[in-house]
N, C-alpha and C. Protein backbone atom coordinates (compact mmCIF):
# COMPACT_ATOMS: atom_id res chain seq x y z
N UNK A 1 -9.12 10.52 2.03
CA UNK A 1 -8.30 9.72 1.16
C UNK A 1 -8.62 8.25 1.34
N UNK A 2 -8.89 7.82 2.56
CA UNK A 2 -9.15 6.41 2.78
C UNK A 2 -10.44 5.95 2.11
N UNK A 3 -11.39 6.86 1.95
CA UNK A 3 -12.65 6.51 1.30
C UNK A 3 -12.49 6.40 -0.22
N UNK A 4 -11.74 7.32 -0.82
CA UNK A 4 -11.58 7.33 -2.27
C UNK A 4 -10.32 8.10 -2.65
N UNK A 5 -9.23 7.39 -2.83
CA UNK A 5 -7.97 8.07 -3.14
C UNK A 5 -8.01 8.72 -4.52
N UNK A 6 -8.90 8.27 -5.40
CA UNK A 6 -8.98 8.84 -6.75
C UNK A 6 -9.36 10.33 -6.72
N UNK A 7 -10.20 10.71 -5.77
CA UNK A 7 -10.62 12.11 -5.70
C UNK A 7 -9.96 12.88 -4.56
N UNK A 8 -9.07 12.24 -3.85
CA UNK A 8 -8.41 12.88 -2.71
C UNK A 8 -7.39 13.92 -3.20
N UNK A 9 -7.16 14.94 -2.39
CA UNK A 9 -6.19 15.98 -2.76
C UNK A 9 -4.75 15.53 -2.47
N UNK A 10 -4.27 14.58 -3.26
CA UNK A 10 -2.91 14.06 -3.11
C UNK A 10 -2.17 14.21 -4.43
N UNK A 11 -0.87 14.04 -4.39
CA UNK A 11 -0.05 14.24 -5.59
C UNK A 11 -0.37 13.18 -6.65
N UNK A 12 -0.08 13.55 -7.88
CA UNK A 12 -0.28 12.63 -9.00
C UNK A 12 0.56 11.38 -8.88
N UNK A 13 1.77 11.52 -8.36
CA UNK A 13 2.63 10.33 -8.22
C UNK A 13 2.08 9.38 -7.16
N UNK A 14 1.51 9.93 -6.09
CA UNK A 14 0.92 9.06 -5.07
C UNK A 14 -0.33 8.37 -5.60
N UNK A 15 -1.16 9.10 -6.35
CA UNK A 15 -2.34 8.48 -6.95
C UNK A 15 -1.94 7.36 -7.91
N UNK A 16 -0.92 7.62 -8.71
CA UNK A 16 -0.46 6.59 -9.66
C UNK A 16 0.02 5.35 -8.90
N UNK A 17 0.75 5.56 -7.82
CA UNK A 17 1.25 4.43 -7.05
C UNK A 17 0.11 3.67 -6.40
N UNK A 18 -0.86 4.38 -5.81
CA UNK A 18 -1.98 3.70 -5.17
C UNK A 18 -2.81 2.91 -6.18
N UNK A 19 -2.97 3.45 -7.37
CA UNK A 19 -3.68 2.75 -8.42
C UNK A 19 -2.95 1.46 -8.79
N UNK A 20 -1.65 1.56 -8.94
CA UNK A 20 -0.84 0.38 -9.25
C UNK A 20 -0.92 -0.66 -8.13
N UNK A 21 -0.79 -0.21 -6.88
CA UNK A 21 -0.81 -1.14 -5.75
C UNK A 21 -2.19 -1.79 -5.60
N UNK A 22 -3.23 -1.04 -5.92
CA UNK A 22 -4.57 -1.64 -5.90
C UNK A 22 -4.66 -2.78 -6.91
N UNK A 23 -4.17 -2.55 -8.11
CA UNK A 23 -4.19 -3.60 -9.13
C UNK A 23 -3.31 -4.77 -8.70
N UNK A 24 -2.14 -4.48 -8.16
CA UNK A 24 -1.23 -5.53 -7.71
C UNK A 24 -1.89 -6.39 -6.63
N UNK A 25 -2.68 -5.77 -5.77
CA UNK A 25 -3.35 -6.50 -4.69
C UNK A 25 -4.55 -7.29 -5.19
N UNK A 26 -5.39 -6.66 -6.01
CA UNK A 26 -6.65 -7.27 -6.40
C UNK A 26 -6.59 -8.11 -7.67
N UNK A 27 -5.62 -7.79 -8.55
CA UNK A 27 -5.51 -8.51 -9.82
C UNK A 27 -4.05 -8.80 -10.14
N UNK A 28 -3.34 -9.49 -9.26
CA UNK A 28 -1.90 -9.66 -9.46
C UNK A 28 -1.53 -10.38 -10.76
N UNK A 29 -2.39 -11.25 -11.23
CA UNK A 29 -2.08 -11.97 -12.47
C UNK A 29 -2.14 -11.09 -13.71
N UNK A 30 -2.77 -9.92 -13.59
CA UNK A 30 -2.89 -9.04 -14.76
C UNK A 30 -1.84 -7.94 -14.79
N UNK A 31 -0.97 -7.87 -13.79
CA UNK A 31 0.07 -6.84 -13.76
C UNK A 31 1.17 -7.19 -14.75
N UNK A 32 1.53 -6.21 -15.57
CA UNK A 32 2.60 -6.39 -16.54
C UNK A 32 3.60 -5.24 -16.41
N UNK A 33 4.67 -5.33 -17.17
CA UNK A 33 5.67 -4.27 -17.15
C UNK A 33 5.09 -2.94 -17.62
N UNK A 34 4.03 -2.98 -18.42
CA UNK A 34 3.39 -1.75 -18.89
C UNK A 34 2.75 -0.97 -17.75
N UNK A 35 2.43 -1.66 -16.65
CA UNK A 35 1.83 -0.98 -15.49
C UNK A 35 2.84 -0.10 -14.76
N UNK A 36 4.11 -0.29 -15.03
CA UNK A 36 5.17 0.50 -14.39
C UNK A 36 5.34 1.85 -15.09
N UNK A 37 5.01 1.90 -16.37
CA UNK A 37 5.23 3.12 -17.16
C UNK A 37 4.56 4.37 -16.58
N UNK A 38 3.29 4.31 -16.13
CA UNK A 38 2.69 5.52 -15.54
C UNK A 38 3.40 5.96 -14.25
N UNK A 39 3.96 5.02 -13.53
CA UNK A 39 4.69 5.36 -12.30
C UNK A 39 5.97 6.12 -12.65
N UNK A 40 6.68 5.62 -13.64
CA UNK A 40 7.90 6.30 -14.06
C UNK A 40 7.57 7.67 -14.67
N UNK A 41 6.48 7.73 -15.44
CA UNK A 41 6.07 9.01 -16.04
C UNK A 41 5.68 10.03 -14.96
N UNK A 42 5.22 9.53 -13.81
CA UNK A 42 4.85 10.41 -12.69
C UNK A 42 6.07 10.83 -11.87
N UNK A 43 7.26 10.35 -12.29
CA UNK A 43 8.50 10.77 -11.62
C UNK A 43 8.99 9.84 -10.52
N UNK A 44 8.37 8.68 -10.38
CA UNK A 44 8.81 7.74 -9.35
C UNK A 44 10.02 6.96 -9.84
N UNK A 45 11.01 6.83 -8.99
CA UNK A 45 12.22 6.08 -9.34
C UNK A 45 11.94 4.58 -9.28
N UNK A 46 12.77 3.82 -9.96
CA UNK A 46 12.64 2.37 -9.90
C UNK A 46 12.81 1.86 -8.47
N UNK A 47 13.69 2.50 -7.70
CA UNK A 47 13.89 2.10 -6.30
C UNK A 47 12.63 2.34 -5.48
N UNK A 48 11.95 3.47 -5.71
CA UNK A 48 10.71 3.77 -4.98
C UNK A 48 9.61 2.79 -5.36
N UNK A 49 9.54 2.45 -6.63
CA UNK A 49 8.53 1.49 -7.10
C UNK A 49 8.80 0.12 -6.49
N UNK A 50 10.04 -0.30 -6.48
CA UNK A 50 10.40 -1.59 -5.90
C UNK A 50 10.08 -1.63 -4.41
N UNK A 51 10.39 -0.56 -3.71
CA UNK A 51 10.10 -0.52 -2.27
C UNK A 51 8.60 -0.61 -2.00
N UNK A 52 7.82 0.10 -2.80
CA UNK A 52 6.36 0.05 -2.63
C UNK A 52 5.82 -1.35 -2.90
N UNK A 53 6.37 -2.03 -3.89
CA UNK A 53 5.96 -3.41 -4.18
C UNK A 53 6.29 -4.31 -2.99
N UNK A 54 7.46 -4.13 -2.40
CA UNK A 54 7.84 -4.94 -1.23
C UNK A 54 6.91 -4.71 -0.05
N UNK A 55 6.58 -3.44 0.21
CA UNK A 55 5.67 -3.12 1.32
C UNK A 55 4.29 -3.69 1.05
N UNK A 56 3.82 -3.55 -0.18
CA UNK A 56 2.52 -4.09 -0.56
C UNK A 56 2.48 -5.61 -0.37
N UNK A 57 3.52 -6.28 -0.83
CA UNK A 57 3.57 -7.74 -0.69
C UNK A 57 3.57 -8.15 0.78
N UNK A 58 4.33 -7.44 1.59
CA UNK A 58 4.39 -7.77 3.02
C UNK A 58 3.02 -7.60 3.67
N UNK A 59 2.34 -6.50 3.38
CA UNK A 59 1.01 -6.28 3.96
C UNK A 59 0.01 -7.31 3.45
N UNK A 60 0.09 -7.67 2.18
CA UNK A 60 -0.83 -8.67 1.64
C UNK A 60 -0.60 -10.04 2.28
N UNK A 61 0.64 -10.39 2.52
CA UNK A 61 0.94 -11.66 3.19
C UNK A 61 0.40 -11.63 4.62
N UNK A 62 0.67 -10.54 5.33
CA UNK A 62 0.18 -10.43 6.71
C UNK A 62 -1.34 -10.48 6.77
N UNK A 63 -1.99 -9.82 5.83
CA UNK A 63 -3.45 -9.80 5.79
C UNK A 63 -4.00 -11.21 5.58
N UNK A 64 -3.40 -11.95 4.69
CA UNK A 64 -3.87 -13.31 4.41
C UNK A 64 -3.60 -14.25 5.59
N UNK A 65 -2.47 -14.09 6.24
CA UNK A 65 -2.18 -14.90 7.43
C UNK A 65 -3.16 -14.55 8.54
N UNK A 66 -3.41 -13.27 8.74
CA UNK A 66 -4.35 -12.84 9.78
C UNK A 66 -5.74 -13.40 9.51
N UNK A 67 -6.18 -13.36 8.26
CA UNK A 67 -7.47 -13.93 7.91
C UNK A 67 -7.50 -15.43 8.15
N UNK A 68 -6.43 -16.11 7.81
CA UNK A 68 -6.36 -17.57 7.98
C UNK A 68 -6.45 -17.99 9.44
N UNK A 69 -5.83 -17.20 10.30
CA UNK A 69 -5.82 -17.54 11.72
C UNK A 69 -6.92 -16.84 12.52
N UNK A 70 -7.75 -16.05 11.84
CA UNK A 70 -8.86 -15.39 12.51
C UNK A 70 -8.43 -14.33 13.51
N UNK A 71 -7.37 -13.60 13.20
CA UNK A 71 -6.92 -12.54 14.10
C UNK A 71 -8.05 -11.53 14.32
N UNK A 72 -8.14 -11.01 15.51
CA UNK A 72 -9.11 -9.98 15.84
C UNK A 72 -8.59 -8.61 15.44
N UNK A 73 -9.48 -7.76 14.95
CA UNK A 73 -9.09 -6.39 14.59
C UNK A 73 -8.89 -5.58 15.87
N UNK A 74 -8.01 -4.59 15.77
CA UNK A 74 -7.78 -3.71 16.90
C UNK A 74 -9.00 -2.82 17.14
N UNK A 75 -9.25 -2.52 18.41
CA UNK A 75 -10.28 -1.53 18.72
C UNK A 75 -9.66 -0.14 18.53
N UNK A 76 -10.45 0.92 18.76
CA UNK A 76 -9.96 2.28 18.53
C UNK A 76 -8.71 2.59 19.35
N UNK A 77 -8.67 2.14 20.59
CA UNK A 77 -7.50 2.38 21.43
C UNK A 77 -6.28 1.65 20.88
N UNK A 78 -6.45 0.42 20.47
CA UNK A 78 -5.35 -0.35 19.91
C UNK A 78 -4.81 0.27 18.63
N UNK A 79 -5.74 0.79 17.79
CA UNK A 79 -5.31 1.46 16.56
C UNK A 79 -4.51 2.71 16.88
N UNK A 80 -4.94 3.46 17.90
CA UNK A 80 -4.23 4.69 18.28
C UNK A 80 -2.84 4.36 18.80
N UNK A 81 -2.72 3.33 19.61
CA UNK A 81 -1.42 2.93 20.14
C UNK A 81 -0.49 2.48 19.01
N UNK A 82 -1.03 1.68 18.10
CA UNK A 82 -0.24 1.20 16.96
C UNK A 82 0.20 2.36 16.07
N UNK A 83 -0.72 3.28 15.77
CA UNK A 83 -0.39 4.43 14.93
C UNK A 83 0.69 5.28 15.59
N UNK A 84 0.56 5.50 16.88
CA UNK A 84 1.55 6.30 17.61
C UNK A 84 2.93 5.64 17.55
N UNK A 85 2.95 4.33 17.71
CA UNK A 85 4.22 3.59 17.63
C UNK A 85 4.85 3.74 16.24
N UNK A 86 4.03 3.60 15.19
CA UNK A 86 4.55 3.72 13.83
C UNK A 86 5.03 5.14 13.53
N UNK A 87 4.32 6.15 14.05
CA UNK A 87 4.76 7.52 13.83
C UNK A 87 6.09 7.81 14.51
N UNK A 88 6.33 7.20 15.67
CA UNK A 88 7.58 7.42 16.40
C UNK A 88 8.73 6.61 15.82
N UNK A 89 8.47 5.38 15.43
CA UNK A 89 9.55 4.47 15.06
C UNK A 89 9.55 4.03 13.61
N UNK A 90 8.46 4.27 12.90
CA UNK A 90 8.38 3.80 11.51
C UNK A 90 8.25 2.30 11.47
N UNK A 91 8.66 1.71 10.38
CA UNK A 91 8.52 0.27 10.18
C UNK A 91 9.83 -0.48 10.44
N UNK A 92 10.75 0.14 11.15
CA UNK A 92 12.03 -0.52 11.39
C UNK A 92 11.86 -1.72 12.23
């Protein structure tokens, strides 16, 4: 899925959301209310769409701050520790 979500065996609603979030990240000036229609047609609630937009915005801000300050990427061990923490506690 990480290589190509378009061909990954995931639900249609998840694909629709990832497509929208990709556009929101890479072409934010071109996003319009019409981009929400496929998400709603895929069965996503307005609350779910709003939450995904908030998460996307937070990650995009963090990514830009990290790039600005030259943060170092985690090594494999650091990624494993971080993933384990998120699996246990989520994003709270």
